Amino acid sequence: MGDRPDLDLLQGTLDMLILKVLAREPLHGYAIAQEIGRISRALLQVPQGSLYPALHRLENRGLLSAAWTETDTGRAAKVYRLTRQGRARLEREVADWRRLSEAIQLILQTE
């Protein structure tokens, strides 16, 4: 934060953001990072060194499934898709995030 144009992701929020982006449509890793950047108006940038370990972790936990496909350019890409378990987890995490952000907002409003 500070002088940087992008914001540091709070620990634990990357998983939720990945799940949310994949709730709309299956995507490969690079497209997931691009979509997070686009939706956040470039305030959030996800480095590959954080993204791919998170994708593997979510896949290992059964929250994502993945399959190799060929892209429009003819390259192989691993496309991730939200599982039913991942969708349920996303709903819980969004509810938790909303409660947390409401509590923080209450604190920030105090004088």
Protein backbone atom coordinates (compact mmCIF):
# COMPACT_ATOMS: atom_id res chain seq x y z
CA MET A 1 0.00 0.00 0.00
CA GLY A 2 1.28 3.54 0.41
CA ASP A 3 2.91 4.81 -2.79
CA ARG A 4 2.09 1.64 -4.71
CA PRO A 5 -0.77 1.79 -7.21
CA ASP A 6 -1.88 -1.73 -6.26
CA LEU A 7 -3.10 -2.86 -2.86
CA ASP A 8 -1.61 -5.76 -0.96
CA LEU A 9 -4.12 -8.57 -0.60
CA LEU A 10 -5.02 -9.38 2.96
CA GLN A 11 -3.95 -12.86 3.88
CA GLY A 12 -6.75 -15.28 3.04
CA THR A 13 -8.60 -13.03 0.61
CA LEU A 14 -6.92 -14.35 -2.54
CA ASP A 15 -8.74 -17.67 -2.27
CA MET A 16 -12.09 -15.89 -1.99
CA LEU A 17 -11.32 -13.67 -4.98
CA ILE A 18 -10.34 -16.66 -7.10
CA LEU A 19 -13.51 -18.51 -6.16
CA LYS A 20 -15.62 -15.44 -6.93
CA VAL A 21 -14.08 -14.92 -10.37
CA LEU A 22 -14.52 -18.61 -11.22
CA ALA A 23 -18.17 -18.54 -10.07
CA ARG A 24 -18.88 -16.63 -13.30
CA GLU A 25 -17.04 -18.91 -15.72
CA PRO A 26 -14.15 -21.39 -15.96
CA LEU A 27 -10.81 -19.70 -16.69
CA HIS A 28 -7.10 -20.49 -16.90
CA GLY A 29 -4.68 -19.01 -14.38
CA TYR A 30 -3.51 -16.00 -16.35
CA ALA A 31 -7.12 -15.06 -17.17
CA ILE A 32 -8.05 -15.30 -13.48
CA ALA A 33 -5.30 -12.81 -12.58
CA GLN A 34 -6.34 -10.52 -15.43
CA GLU A 35 -9.99 -10.63 -14.39
CA ILE A 36 -9.17 -9.76 -10.77
CA GLY A 37 -7.14 -6.81 -12.04
CA ARG A 38 -9.87 -5.71 -14.45
CA ILE A 39 -12.73 -5.91 -11.95
CA SER A 40 -10.71 -4.09 -9.27
CA ARG A 41 -9.78 -1.36 -11.79
CA ALA A 42 -6.14 -2.44 -11.48
CA LEU A 43 -6.06 -1.86 -7.72
CA LEU A 44 -5.44 -5.56 -7.10
CA GLN A 45 -2.64 -7.31 -8.94
CA VAL A 46 -2.08 -11.01 -8.32
CA PRO A 47 1.50 -12.15 -8.86
CA GLN A 48 2.00 -15.58 -10.43
CA GLY A 49 4.00 -16.62 -7.38
CA SER A 50 0.84 -16.23 -5.29
CA LEU A 51 -1.79 -17.25 -7.85
CA TYR A 52 -0.62 -20.71 -8.87
CA PRO A 53 0.03 -22.03 -5.34
CA ALA A 54 -3.46 -20.78 -4.40
CA LEU A 55 -5.01 -22.53 -7.42
CA HIS A 56 -3.28 -25.80 -6.55
CA ARG A 57 -4.32 -25.49 -2.89
CA LEU A 58 -7.96 -24.87 -3.86
CA GLU A 59 -7.88 -27.78 -6.30
CA ASN A 60 -6.38 -30.11 -3.67
CA ARG A 61 -9.15 -29.10 -1.23
CA GLY A 62 -11.82 -30.02 -3.77
CA LEU A 63 -12.99 -26.43 -4.23
CA LEU A 64 -11.85 -26.32 -7.87
CA SER A 65 -11.59 -28.88 -10.62
CA ALA A 66 -9.20 -28.45 -13.53
CA ALA A 67 -8.70 -29.83 -17.01
CA TRP A 68 -6.15 -29.17 -19.71
CA THR A 69 -7.60 -27.59 -22.86
CA GLU A 70 -6.26 -25.94 -25.97
CA THR A 71 -6.57 -22.15 -26.13
CA ASP A 72 -7.55 -20.09 -29.17
CA THR A 73 -3.84 -19.64 -29.89
CA GLY A 74 -3.24 -23.39 -29.86
CA ARG A 75 -1.45 -23.50 -26.51
CA ALA A 76 -2.34 -25.91 -23.73
CA ALA A 77 -3.83 -24.25 -20.65
CA LYS A 78 -5.18 -25.66 -17.42
CA VAL A 79 -8.73 -24.33 -17.02
CA TYR A 80 -10.17 -24.13 -13.52
CA ARG A 81 -13.83 -24.55 -12.66
CA LEU A 82 -15.66 -24.05 -9.37
CA THR A 83 -17.01 -27.25 -7.79
CA ARG A 84 -20.22 -27.50 -5.76
CA GLN A 85 -18.07 -27.57 -2.63
CA GLY A 86 -16.24 -24.47 -3.90
CA ARG A 87 -19.51 -22.61 -4.46
CA ALA A 88 -20.65 -23.39 -0.89
CA ARG A 89 -17.27 -22.26 0.46
CA LEU A 90 -17.51 -19.02 -1.53
CA GLU A 91 -20.92 -18.25 -0.03
CA ARG A 92 -19.54 -18.72 3.52
CA GLU A 93 -16.43 -16.65 2.82
CA VAL A 94 -18.43 -13.78 1.28
CA ALA A 95 -20.75 -13.73 4.31
CA ASP A 96 -17.74 -13.73 6.67
CA TRP A 97 -16.05 -10.96 4.66
CA ARG A 98 -19.18 -8.80 4.79
CA ARG A 99 -19.42 -9.19 8.58
CA LEU A 100 -15.73 -8.37 8.98
CA SER A 101 -15.86 -5.31 6.70
CA GLU A 102 -18.98 -4.06 8.52
CA ALA A 103 -17.15 -4.35 11.85
CA ILE A 104 -14.11 -2.52 10.47
CA GLN A 105 -16.35 0.21 9.04
CA LEU A 106 -17.93 0.70 12.48
CA ILE A 107 -14.48 1.16 14.00
CA LEU A 108 -13.36 3.57 11.26
CA GLN A 109 -16.43 5.74 11.81
CA THR A 110 -15.60 6.37 15.47
CA GLU A 111 -13.96 9.61 16.48
